[in-house]
Protein backbone atom coordinates (compact mmCIF):
# COMPACT_ATOMS: atom_id res chain seq x y z
CA UNK A 1 -46.81 25.67 -14.13
CA UNK A 2 -44.77 22.65 -14.24
CA UNK A 3 -42.48 24.18 -16.90
CA UNK A 4 -42.14 27.49 -14.96
CA UNK A 5 -41.30 25.54 -11.82
CA UNK A 6 -38.74 23.37 -13.62
CA UNK A 7 -37.07 26.51 -15.14
CA UNK A 8 -37.16 28.10 -11.74
CA UNK A 9 -35.23 25.17 -10.19
CA UNK A 10 -32.76 25.08 -12.91
CA UNK A 11 -32.02 28.71 -12.67
CA UNK A 12 -31.46 28.39 -9.03
CA UNK A 13 -29.26 25.54 -9.33
CA UNK A 14 -27.11 27.46 -11.92
CA UNK A 15 -26.94 30.38 -9.62
CA UNK A 16 -25.75 27.96 -6.77
CA UNK A 17 -23.09 26.84 -8.77
CA UNK A 18 -21.87 30.18 -9.97
CA UNK A 19 -21.50 31.33 -6.32
CA UNK A 20 -18.69 28.69 -5.51
CA UNK A 21 -15.31 30.42 -6.59
CA UNK A 22 -12.54 28.49 -7.95
CA UNK A 23 -8.98 29.69 -6.67
CA UNK A 24 -5.95 28.59 -8.50
CA UNK A 25 -2.31 29.67 -7.48
CA UNK A 26 0.84 28.50 -9.44
CA UNK A 27 4.43 29.58 -8.52
CA UNK A 28 7.02 29.77 -11.35
CA UNK A 29 9.33 26.99 -10.18
CA UNK A 30 11.70 25.78 -12.84
CA UNK A 31 11.42 22.15 -13.73
CA UNK A 32 14.24 19.46 -13.46
CA UNK A 33 13.77 15.64 -14.17
CA UNK A 34 16.16 13.27 -12.31
CA UNK A 35 15.68 11.02 -15.51
CA UNK A 36 17.14 13.64 -17.80
CA UNK A 37 19.92 11.80 -19.81
CA UNK A 38 22.30 14.83 -19.24
CA UNK A 39 22.57 13.73 -15.74
CA UNK A 40 20.68 10.63 -14.75
CA UNK A 41 23.65 8.34 -15.05
CA UNK A 42 25.76 10.64 -12.64
CA UNK A 43 26.80 8.95 -9.25
CA UNK A 44 24.86 10.33 -6.30
CA UNK A 45 27.56 11.58 -3.85
CA UNK A 46 29.69 8.51 -2.71
CA UNK A 47 27.40 6.08 -4.45
CA UNK A 48 26.66 3.56 -5.84
CA UNK A 49 23.30 5.09 -6.59
CA UNK A 50 22.68 7.65 -9.58
CA UNK A 51 20.70 10.67 -9.79
CA UNK A 52 18.21 8.87 -12.05
CA UNK A 53 17.58 6.15 -9.56
CA UNK A 54 17.79 7.76 -6.43
CA UNK A 55 18.04 11.68 -6.81
CA UNK A 56 14.59 12.84 -6.30
CA UNK A 57 15.41 14.74 -3.05
CA UNK A 58 18.57 16.43 -4.54
CA UNK A 59 16.55 17.33 -7.84
CA UNK A 60 13.68 18.66 -5.88
CA UNK A 61 15.89 20.94 -3.75
CA UNK A 62 17.73 22.18 -7.06
CA UNK A 63 14.30 23.31 -8.51
CA UNK A 64 13.60 25.36 -5.47
CA UNK A 65 17.20 26.88 -5.45
CA UNK A 66 16.77 27.72 -9.27
CA UNK A 67 13.64 29.56 -8.58
CA UNK A 68 15.23 32.19 -6.73
CA UNK A 69 17.76 33.09 -9.43
CA UNK A 70 20.60 30.62 -8.63
CA UNK A 71 22.34 29.06 -11.65
CA UNK A 72 22.06 25.47 -10.97
CA UNK A 73 20.73 22.03 -12.04
CA UNK A 74 20.90 18.47 -10.76
CA UNK A 75 24.20 17.81 -12.30
CA UNK A 76 25.82 20.95 -10.93
CA UNK A 77 24.27 20.60 -7.44
CA UNK A 78 25.25 16.93 -7.28
CA UNK A 79 28.97 17.88 -8.13
CA UNK A 80 28.70 20.70 -5.37
CA UNK A 81 27.26 18.37 -2.74
CA UNK A 82 29.77 15.63 -3.38
CA UNK A 83 32.71 18.02 -2.84
CA UNK A 84 31.23 19.79 0.16
CA UNK A 85 29.93 16.83 2.46
CA UNK A 86 26.38 17.06 1.12
CA UNK A 87 25.62 13.47 1.48
CA UNK A 88 25.80 10.66 4.21
CA UNK A 89 27.76 7.61 3.50
CA UNK A 90 24.45 6.07 2.37
CA UNK A 91 23.92 8.93 -0.18
CA UNK A 92 21.29 10.63 1.76
CA UNK A 93 21.05 14.38 1.27
CA UNK A 94 21.67 16.85 3.96
CA UNK A 95 18.76 19.45 4.07
CA UNK A 96 21.20 22.06 5.48
CA UNK A 97 23.06 22.05 2.04
CA UNK A 98 20.33 24.02 0.63
CA UNK A 99 21.52 27.00 2.65
CA UNK A 100 24.83 25.91 2.08
CA UNK A 101 24.84 26.27 -1.61
CA UNK A 102 23.10 29.65 -1.65
CA UNK A 103 24.82 31.40 1.36
CA UNK A 104 21.53 30.90 3.30
CA UNK A 105 19.72 33.24 0.65
CA UNK A 106 17.52 30.06 0.47
CA UNK A 107 17.45 27.88 3.45
CA UNK A 108 15.59 24.85 4.94
CA UNK A 109 13.28 25.78 7.75
CA UNK A 110 10.13 25.04 9.77
CA UNK A 111 6.74 26.23 8.52
CA UNK A 112 4.76 29.03 9.56
CA UNK A 113 1.37 28.22 8.17
CA UNK A 114 -0.16 25.49 6.09
CA UNK A 115 0.93 24.27 2.56
CA UNK A 116 -1.55 26.70 1.04
CA UNK A 117 -0.35 29.70 3.24
CA UNK A 118 3.39 29.00 2.14
CA UNK A 119 2.62 28.84 -1.48
CA UNK A 120 0.30 31.98 -1.34
CA UNK A 121 3.20 33.73 0.21
CA UNK A 122 5.52 32.56 -2.70
CA UNK A 123 7.33 29.75 -1.10
CA UNK A 124 7.37 26.11 -2.87
CA UNK A 125 7.06 23.14 -0.48
CA UNK A 126 9.42 20.15 -0.79
CA UNK A 127 6.92 17.12 0.28
CA UNK A 128 7.46 13.46 0.84
CA UNK A 129 4.93 11.08 -0.83
CA UNK A 130 4.32 7.41 -0.26
CA UNK A 131 5.25 6.63 -4.04
CA UNK A 132 8.02 3.90 -3.89
CA UNK A 133 7.80 4.22 -0.06
CA UNK A 134 9.30 7.59 -0.20
CA UNK A 135 9.39 9.98 -3.12
CA UNK A 136 10.03 13.69 -2.86
CA UNK A 137 8.27 16.20 -4.98
CA UNK A 138 8.00 20.14 -5.09
CA UNK A 139 4.53 21.49 -4.44
CA UNK A 140 4.19 24.61 -6.84
CA UNK A 141 0.71 25.56 -6.43
CA UNK A 142 -2.92 24.38 -5.73
CA UNK A 143 -6.46 24.61 -6.97
CA UNK A 144 -9.43 24.63 -4.78
CA UNK A 145 -13.25 25.28 -5.29
CA UNK A 146 -14.29 25.66 -1.67
CA UNK A 147 -14.60 21.73 -0.91
CA UNK A 148 -11.75 20.08 -2.40
CA UNK A 149 -8.04 21.02 -2.86
CA UNK A 150 -5.77 19.66 -5.57
CA UNK A 151 -2.13 20.25 -5.35
CA UNK A 152 0.28 21.00 -8.44
CA UNK A 153 3.73 19.59 -8.14
CA UNK A 154 6.97 19.39 -9.95
CA UNK A 155 7.71 15.78 -9.86
CA UNK A 156 11.44 14.72 -10.57
CA UNK A 157 10.39 11.32 -11.87
CA UNK A 158 8.39 12.97 -14.74
CA UNK A 159 10.17 14.45 -17.90
CA UNK A 160 7.87 17.72 -17.42
CA UNK A 161 5.92 19.69 -15.01
CA UNK A 162 3.90 20.75 -13.32
CA UNK A 163 1.47 17.97 -12.85
CA UNK A 164 -1.45 17.09 -10.59
CA UNK A 165 -0.39 15.43 -7.31
CA UNK A 166 -1.72 11.76 -7.60
CA UNK A 167 0.54 10.31 -4.65
CA UNK A 168 -0.63 10.40 -1.12
CA UNK A 169 1.39 12.90 1.08
CA UNK A 170 2.96 11.28 4.09
CA UNK A 171 2.93 14.71 6.24
CA UNK A 172 6.57 15.09 5.93
CA UNK A 173 7.35 18.52 4.52
CA UNK A 174 10.46 20.72 4.15
CA UNK A 175 9.62 24.62 4.03
CA UNK A 176 12.00 27.03 3.00
CA UNK A 177 13.08 30.59 3.90
CA UNK A 178 13.77 32.72 0.92
CA UNK A 179 13.76 36.54 -0.15
CA UNK A 180 10.25 36.64 -1.48
CA UNK A 181 7.90 39.85 -1.14
CA UNK A 182 7.05 40.17 2.53
CA UNK A 183 9.47 37.31 3.59
CA UNK A 184 11.01 37.86 6.97
CA UNK A 185 14.68 36.87 7.55
CA UNK A 186 13.44 34.16 9.93
CA UNK A 187 10.27 32.93 8.23
CA UNK A 188 7.24 34.90 8.02
CA UNK A 189 6.32 37.64 10.37
CA UNK A 190 2.70 37.51 10.78
CA UNK A 191 1.37 41.09 10.47
CA UNK A 192 4.33 42.99 9.11
CA UNK A 193 5.00 40.43 6.29
CA UNK A 194 1.30 40.35 5.36
CA UNK A 195 1.06 44.04 5.28
CA UNK A 196 4.22 44.32 3.10
CA UNK A 197 3.10 41.50 0.78
CA UNK A 198 -0.37 43.02 0.33
CA UNK A 199 1.02 46.53 -0.67
CA UNK A 200 3.35 44.70 -3.08
CA UNK A 201 0.75 43.08 -4.70
CA UNK A 202 -1.83 45.81 -4.76
CA UNK A 203 0.69 48.54 -6.22
CA UNK A 204 1.92 46.64 -9.12
CA UNK A 205 3.89 43.48 -7.87
CA UNK A 206 6.97 42.67 -9.70
CA UNK A 207 6.38 44.66 -12.80
CA UNK A 208 6.51 47.81 -10.63
CA UNK A 209 8.93 47.04 -7.77
CA UNK A 210 11.23 44.36 -9.31
CA UNK A 211 12.57 41.87 -7.02
CA UNK A 212 13.67 41.66 -3.17
CA UNK A 213 17.21 43.44 -2.71
CA UNK A 214 19.84 42.80 -0.46
CA UNK A 215 20.22 46.11 1.20
CA UNK A 216 20.81 45.35 4.84
CA UNK A 217 22.75 43.25 7.12
CA UNK A 218 19.56 40.79 7.20
CA UNK A 219 19.58 40.11 3.45
CA UNK A 220 16.85 40.75 0.95
CA UNK A 221 14.15 40.22 3.65
CA UNK A 222 11.80 42.39 5.68
CA UNK A 223 13.99 43.85 8.27
CA UNK A 224 14.04 46.47 10.96
CA UNK A 225 15.68 49.86 10.64
CA UNK A 226 17.89 50.57 12.51
CA UNK A 227 19.26 47.06 12.80
CA UNK A 228 18.31 47.16 16.50
CA UNK A 229 14.70 46.06 16.68
CA UNK A 230 14.26 47.51 20.10
CA UNK A 231 14.92 51.02 18.92
CA UNK A 232 11.93 52.99 20.05
CA UNK A 233 11.48 54.58 16.62
CA UNK A 234 12.23 51.25 14.56
CA UNK A 235 10.39 50.87 11.52
CA UNK A 236 9.99 47.66 9.20
CA UNK A 237 10.55 47.58 5.68
CA UNK A 238 11.75 45.47 2.62
CA UNK A 239 13.99 46.74 -0.27
CA UNK A 240 13.31 46.09 -3.95
CA UNK A 241 15.41 46.91 -7.07
CA UNK A 242 13.97 47.25 -10.61
CA UNK A 243 16.17 45.80 -13.64
CA UNK A 244 17.09 49.39 -14.31
CA UNK A 245 18.27 50.18 -11.20
CA UNK A 246 15.43 52.01 -9.42
CA UNK A 247 15.19 51.47 -5.77
CA UNK A 248 12.01 50.95 -3.97
CA UNK A 249 11.11 50.24 -0.26
CA UNK A 250 7.87 49.06 1.09
CA UNK A 251 7.60 50.29 4.67
CA UNK A 252 5.30 48.91 7.33
CA UNK A 253 2.90 51.40 9.46
CA UNK A 254 1.34 49.20 12.09
CA UNK A 255 -0.75 52.07 13.43
CA UNK A 256 -2.32 52.64 9.92
CA UNK A 257 -2.69 48.74 9.56
CA UNK A 258 -1.10 48.78 6.23
CA UNK A 259 2.25 49.14 4.45
CA UNK A 260 3.34 51.87 1.76
CA UNK A 261 5.90 52.14 -1.00
CA UNK A 262 8.48 54.86 -1.04
CA UNK A 263 10.95 55.50 -3.82
CA UNK A 264 12.86 58.14 -6.05
CA UNK A 265 13.93 61.49 -4.40
CA UNK A 266 11.20 60.86 -1.65
CA UNK A 267 12.94 57.79 -0.53
CA UNK A 268 16.48 59.13 -1.01
CA UNK A 269 15.56 62.04 1.30
CA UNK A 270 13.81 60.01 3.85
CA UNK A 271 16.74 57.51 4.00
CA UNK A 272 19.60 59.96 4.09
CA UNK A 273 17.90 62.27 6.83
CA UNK A 274 17.37 59.44 9.47
CA UNK A 275 13.61 58.98 8.34
CA UNK A 276 12.82 56.34 10.83
CA UNK A 277 13.72 58.53 13.46
CA UNK A 278 12.87 62.08 12.38
CA UNK A 279 9.79 61.25 10.17
CA UNK A 280 8.49 57.81 11.04
CA UNK A 281 6.92 55.47 8.64
CA UNK A 282 4.84 56.73 5.62
CA UNK A 283 1.09 57.34 6.12
CA UNK A 284 0.17 57.50 2.47
CA UNK A 285 1.30 56.56 -1.03
CA UNK A 286 2.79 59.37 -3.26
CA UNK A 287 0.12 62.16 -4.52
CA UNK A 288 0.37 65.19 -6.76
CA UNK A 289 0.11 68.54 -5.22
CA UNK A 290 0.57 72.26 -6.26
CA UNK A 291 2.79 74.48 -4.45
CA UNK A 292 0.80 77.30 -2.62
CA UNK A 293 3.19 80.21 -3.61
CA UNK A 294 4.87 79.41 -6.63
CA UNK A 295 2.59 76.96 -8.40
CA UNK A 296 5.09 74.45 -9.10
CA UNK A 297 3.88 70.85 -9.49
CA UNK A 298 4.90 68.61 -6.40
CA UNK A 299 4.96 65.10 -5.57
CA UNK A 300 4.15 64.61 -1.95
CA UNK A 301 4.06 61.81 0.61
CA UNK A 302 2.73 61.94 4.19
CA UNK A 303 4.80 60.49 7.12
CA UNK A 304 3.90 60.16 10.64
CA UNK A 305 5.60 63.20 11.55
CA UNK A 306 5.38 65.51 8.59
CA UNK A 307 5.49 65.68 4.60
CA UNK A 308 8.38 65.02 2.20
CA UNK A 309 7.72 66.72 -0.99
CA UNK A 310 9.71 66.52 -4.38
CA UNK A 311 9.63 69.76 -6.43
CA UNK A 312 9.29 68.62 -10.14
CA UNK A 313 10.48 71.78 -11.33
CA UNK A 314 13.50 72.55 -9.21
CA UNK A 315 14.33 68.74 -8.80
CA UNK A 316 14.74 69.42 -5.13
CA UNK A 317 13.41 67.20 -2.21
CA UNK A 318 12.56 68.93 1.20
CA UNK A 319 10.63 68.29 4.21
CA UNK A 320 7.90 70.29 6.13
CA UNK A 321 5.92 69.78 9.35
CA UNK A 322 2.91 71.48 7.83
CA UNK A 323 1.56 71.28 4.31
CA UNK A 324 2.69 74.06 1.86
CA UNK A 325 0.57 72.83 -0.96
CA UNK A 326 -2.76 72.27 -2.41
CA UNK A 327 -3.79 68.66 -3.36
CA UNK A 328 -4.00 68.60 -7.06
CA UNK A 329 -5.32 64.93 -7.36
CA UNK A 330 -4.08 62.76 -10.13
CA UNK A 331 -2.69 59.29 -10.31
CA UNK A 332 -1.05 57.84 -7.18
CA UNK A 333 2.30 57.26 -8.51
CA UNK A 334 5.70 59.45 -9.20
CA UNK A 335 7.08 60.39 -12.38
CA UNK A 336 10.63 58.32 -13.24
CA UNK A 337 13.20 60.80 -11.61
CA UNK A 338 15.26 62.67 -13.98
CA UNK A 339 18.38 61.41 -12.21
CA UNK A 340 18.77 58.00 -10.72
CA UNK A 341 20.44 57.93 -7.26
CA UNK A 342 23.92 56.84 -7.35
CA UNK A 343 24.44 53.26 -5.76
CA UNK A 344 27.79 52.22 -4.75
CA UNK A 345 29.34 49.29 -6.06
CA UNK A 346 32.31 46.91 -5.21
CA UNK A 347 35.06 48.86 -7.35
CA UNK A 348 34.63 52.13 -5.25
CA UNK A 349 35.77 50.70 -1.91
CA UNK A 350 38.58 48.21 -2.27
CA UNK A 351 39.93 45.54 0.13
CA UNK A 352 43.74 45.70 -0.11
CA UNK A 353 44.59 43.47 2.86
CA UNK A 354 42.28 40.88 4.79
CA UNK A 355 43.67 38.45 7.27
CA UNK A 356 42.92 36.68 10.46
CA UNK A 357 45.05 35.84 13.44
CA UNK A 358 46.71 32.50 12.95
CA UNK A 359 46.65 29.63 13.62
CA UNK A 360 42.88 29.57 13.89
CA UNK A 361 42.15 27.14 16.86
CA UNK A 362 38.85 25.73 17.90
CA UNK A 363 37.67 27.66 20.78
CA UNK A 364 40.08 30.58 20.84
CA UNK A 365 38.50 33.51 19.65
CA UNK A 366 40.40 34.90 16.44
CA UNK A 367 41.04 38.39 15.25
CA UNK A 368 40.35 39.65 11.71
CA UNK A 369 42.25 42.67 10.37
CA UNK A 370 41.32 44.40 7.08
CA UNK A 371 42.33 47.45 5.14
CA UNK A 372 39.98 49.33 2.77
CA UNK A 373 41.09 51.83 0.07
CA UNK A 374 38.69 54.67 -1.56
CA UNK A 375 39.28 53.99 -5.36
CA UNK A 376 37.35 57.02 -6.25
CA UNK A 377 38.11 60.65 -6.44
CA UNK A 378 35.24 61.55 -4.50
CA UNK A 379 34.36 61.25 -0.59
CA UNK A 380 33.11 58.00 0.66
CA UNK A 381 31.19 57.52 3.81
CA UNK A 382 31.30 54.08 5.64
CA UNK A 383 28.43 53.32 8.06
CA UNK A 384 28.81 49.71 8.57
CA UNK A 385 31.58 46.83 7.85
CA UNK A 386 30.94 43.04 8.29
CA UNK A 387 33.55 40.39 7.80
CA UNK A 388 31.94 36.84 7.39
CA UNK A 389 33.84 33.47 7.64
CA UNK A 390 31.83 31.12 5.29
CA UNK A 391 32.53 27.41 5.63
CA UNK A 392 33.43 25.99 2.32
CA UNK A 393 34.82 22.68 3.10
CA UNK A 394 32.99 20.65 5.97
CA UNK A 395 29.86 21.23 7.71
CA UNK A 396 30.57 24.27 9.91
CA UNK A 397 28.43 27.26 10.51
CA UNK A 398 29.23 30.64 9.19
CA UNK A 399 30.57 33.43 11.69
CA UNK A 400 30.37 37.08 11.50
CA UNK A 401 32.44 40.13 12.62
CA UNK A 402 30.81 43.53 12.72
CA UNK A 403 34.22 45.17 12.53
CA UNK A 404 33.07 48.83 12.75
CA UNK A 405 29.59 50.58 12.99
CA UNK A 406 28.98 54.14 13.51
CA UNK A 407 26.82 56.93 12.74
CA UNK A 408 26.51 57.74 9.05
CA UNK A 409 29.06 60.13 7.92
CA UNK A 410 31.62 59.91 10.95
CA UNK A 411 33.90 57.67 9.10
CA UNK A 412 34.82 59.60 5.97
CA UNK A 413 37.38 58.30 3.37
CA UNK A 414 39.09 60.99 1.36
CA UNK A 415 39.94 60.40 -2.34
CA UNK A 416 42.32 57.52 -2.57
CA UNK A 417 42.62 57.08 1.37
CA UNK A 418 43.37 53.76 3.12
CA UNK A 419 42.35 52.84 6.46
CA UNK A 420 42.84 49.69 8.62
CA UNK A 421 40.18 47.99 10.81
CA UNK A 422 40.44 45.12 13.23
CA UNK A 423 38.05 43.17 15.51
CA UNK A 424 38.28 40.21 17.89
CA UNK A 425 35.61 37.74 17.53
CA UNK A 426 32.89 38.38 20.33
CA UNK A 427 30.95 35.05 20.77
CA UNK A 428 31.56 31.56 21.11
CA UNK A 429 34.16 30.25 18.33
CA UNK A 430 33.33 26.73 17.84
CA UNK A 431 33.81 25.77 14.18
CA UNK A 432 34.66 22.19 13.73
CA UNK A 433 38.18 21.13 13.48
CA UNK A 434 39.38 20.50 9.77
CA UNK A 435 36.68 22.85 8.49
CA UNK A 436 37.93 25.13 5.66
CA UNK A 437 36.70 28.74 5.56
CA UNK A 438 36.59 31.87 3.28
CA UNK A 439 36.66 35.27 4.61
CA UNK A 440 34.15 37.56 2.81
CA UNK A 441 33.63 41.43 3.26
CA UNK A 442 30.53 43.62 2.96
CA UNK A 443 30.33 47.23 3.57
CA UNK A 444 27.38 49.68 3.96
CA UNK A 445 28.56 52.95 2.61
CA UNK A 446 27.84 55.83 0.22
CA UNK A 447 29.59 58.35 -2.18
CA UNK A 448 28.60 62.10 -2.16
CA UNK A 449 25.35 62.76 -3.76
CA UNK A 450 24.26 58.94 -3.70
CA UNK A 451 22.58 56.60 -1.24
CA UNK A 452 24.10 54.13 1.01
CA UNK A 453 23.78 50.29 0.45
CA UNK A 454 25.25 47.08 1.50
CA UNK A 455 27.92 45.96 -1.09
CA UNK A 456 29.95 42.90 -1.45
CA UNK A 457 33.77 43.61 -1.56
CA UNK A 458 35.64 41.12 -3.41
CA UNK A 459 39.18 39.97 -2.17
CA UNK A 460 40.85 36.83 -3.64
CA UNK A 461 44.17 36.72 -1.70
CA UNK A 462 45.27 33.58 0.00
CA UNK A 463 45.15 35.13 3.51
CA UNK A 464 41.54 35.13 3.26
CA UNK A 465 41.36 31.28 3.87
CA UNK A 466 42.05 29.29 6.68
CA UNK A 467 41.57 25.96 8.13
CA UNK A 468 40.38 25.34 11.85
CA UNK A 469 42.93 23.37 14.01
CA UNK A 470 42.54 21.70 17.35
CA UNK A 471 43.93 23.14 20.50
CA UNK A 472 47.30 22.05 21.33
CA UNK A 473 47.59 19.35 23.93
CA UNK A 474 50.11 19.70 26.56
CA UNK A 475 53.32 17.58 26.29
CA UNK A 476 53.61 15.32 29.00
CA UNK A 477 57.05 15.47 31.14
CA UNK A 478 58.84 12.49 32.50
CA UNK A 479 60.94 13.03 35.82
CA UNK A 480 62.92 9.79 36.65
CA UNK A 481 62.88 8.82 40.22
CA UNK A 482 66.38 8.25 41.58
CA UNK A 483 67.08 5.55 44.19
CA UNK A 484 70.16 5.81 46.29
CA UNK A 485 72.27 2.50 46.08
CA UNK A 486 75.04 2.32 48.92
CA UNK A 487 78.39 1.47 47.54
CA UNK A 488 80.87 -0.56 49.60
CA UNK A 489 83.82 1.11 51.35
CA UNK A 490 87.17 -0.60 51.44
CA UNK A 491 89.28 0.04 54.42
CA UNK A 492 92.84 -1.13 54.87
CA UNK A 493 94.00 -2.13 58.42
CA UNK A 494 97.80 -2.07 58.96
CA UNK A 495 99.75 -4.94 60.69
CA UNK A 496 102.15 -4.04 63.31
CA UNK A 497 105.82 -4.31 62.61
CA UNK A 498 108.15 -6.50 64.83
CA UNK A 499 111.96 -5.70 65.17
CA UNK A 500 114.27 -8.37 66.18
CA UNK A 501 117.63 -7.07 68.09
CA UNK A 502 120.61 -9.42 68.90
CA UNK A 503 122.26 -9.20 72.38
CA UNK A 504 126.36 -9.27 72.50
CA UNK A 505 127.85 -12.07 74.21
CA UNK A 506 131.00 -11.31 76.38
CA UNK A 507 134.09 -13.83 75.14
CA UNK A 508 137.50 -13.38 74.87
CA UNK A 509 137.25 -12.97 71.17
CA UNK A 510 134.61 -10.39 70.26
CA UNK A 511 132.28 -11.32 67.59
CA UNK A 512 130.19 -8.85 65.39
CA UNK A 513 126.37 -9.87 64.84
CA UNK A 514 124.42 -7.77 62.45
CA UNK A 515 120.82 -6.50 63.32
CA UNK A 516 118.11 -7.92 61.34
CA UNK A 517 114.84 -6.13 60.89
CA UNK A 518 111.93 -8.24 59.61
CA UNK A 519 109.10 -6.05 58.31
CA UNK A 520 106.18 -8.13 56.75
CA UNK A 521 103.97 -6.64 54.19
CA UNK A 522 100.37 -5.23 55.26
CA UNK A 523 97.33 -7.24 55.39
CA UNK A 524 94.27 -6.09 53.74
CA UNK A 525 90.76 -6.54 55.42
CA UNK A 526 87.72 -5.92 53.86
CA UNK A 527 84.84 -4.20 55.89
CA UNK A 528 81.37 -3.98 54.03
CA UNK A 529 79.36 -1.04 54.89
CA UNK A 530 75.44 -1.33 54.65
CA UNK A 531 75.38 -3.21 51.15
CA UNK A 532 71.80 -4.36 50.72
CA UNK A 533 71.22 -7.76 49.36
CA UNK A 534 69.61 -7.96 45.89
CA UNK A 535 66.39 -9.87 45.74
CA UNK A 536 67.82 -11.74 42.94
CA UNK A 537 70.94 -12.85 44.80
CA UNK A 538 73.15 -10.54 42.98
CA UNK A 539 76.03 -9.14 44.72
CA UNK A 540 76.45 -5.43 45.70
CA UNK A 541 78.92 -5.05 42.67
CA UNK A 542 76.21 -6.20 40.28
CA UNK A 543 73.68 -3.94 41.83
CA UNK A 544 75.83 -0.97 40.96
CA UNK A 545 76.30 -2.27 37.55
CA UNK A 546 72.55 -2.48 37.16
CA UNK A 547 72.05 0.99 38.51
CA UNK A 548 74.12 2.52 35.88
CA UNK A 549 72.60 0.27 33.13
CA UNK A 550 69.27 1.70 33.86
CA UNK A 551 69.94 5.28 33.76
CA UNK A 552 72.86 5.33 30.90
């Protein structure tokens, strides 16, 4: 009996231990060491410190940036930071320069959950530890057994990684926003992001969908279609692209409580025919069916307001409000399309002129002008055009002009046709004085027979760069005050003239006496007229001299 009881107890203990599940999650984050001999001696920003002695924060950031496909290492990142005001005078790292280096594809942001939540969603976390008072590491995963959680880190002080965290976390974390499956452009959208990530994982993950693709004005994130999130027919989705160029969307259906993937000819038809408005979101994955009348094998997907069908025999996609097929069963997938939809590229639509009204003054809204040329021999249809001013020197924000937006197909470029556009900036224009900017162009367009997509359009002319200047200050004007100084007047007063006349005397012998007239010269009399006395005791004549001296 004792033996049986003992066996029973042991068996029970083994059973209890097996019930506890262990979860391990590790992200594929490239590892860099600040002690790597290739860059450990490089001066960190303005100095005097080096990457090897004090570059843990910058090295941690470079690992996170590299995870999302950017060609970077601590040496190249440090050089860029040094040349783009990435450090304080004390060589402290500016967190905003994560976004500055990646054009905000990856950027520093606040959390939307716990460390575990962020890792589960595909985001590594840059965390501060108490080692050497402050030492930054990258949390790349965790392991938990229901009671204890151990974190895996890429530690810049080590020569390899990941390792298990042995330091104490201080509670100071830097989370990132990046284009991960389900990633929302401002972080994580509870509900929508979760459903898209669940669909991505359940339907094959990266092996099937590839990576998030920038096919909207919101980047490679979960985004609304149309761009106006308040549109009554709006749907939320995320674009993905396979290495061979096949395009996918995972579209959320909140009414169904899940998201569904759409691709191939069904996606092309849905997208080109205002699917969000006319068909609504998908309500199922794709499935095989047989046409009721001709027996063709079909690939069908159910949407909120009808069905979109791809006929594998004719190669044509079409829509119906009622089913015209019989479900045949089979795997829940679509054969690889016989023809891949034509995606536009930056060589089809060319920027031939790009400029901004100059001088570009702080607080004065500038106007951009752009000329586009169709380089193809087919028709191009432009749906949206964006010009972005990206800060390349200094610490200014980026600014965007939505130069032209209209219904798809209403702005058509014939073969080799050029068209000009211009737009005045609409919001507050407050870039820092002295900041240097580069104009970049993105267009959403398509060619006949293809699908539309956002494409970067290169332009290398000097006219696309500018420096912000201060508003000119008004030049002060000086108006002299004239003081009237009275000038003395000289008046000559004549003296009367006296004439002497001799009287003849009667004698025997007459005598002739000539008449003498005495005319004395005039006597000048000076009369001063209102001449003020100088406070210094100078004469009126001296005051007059001083007046002309002051204003000469």
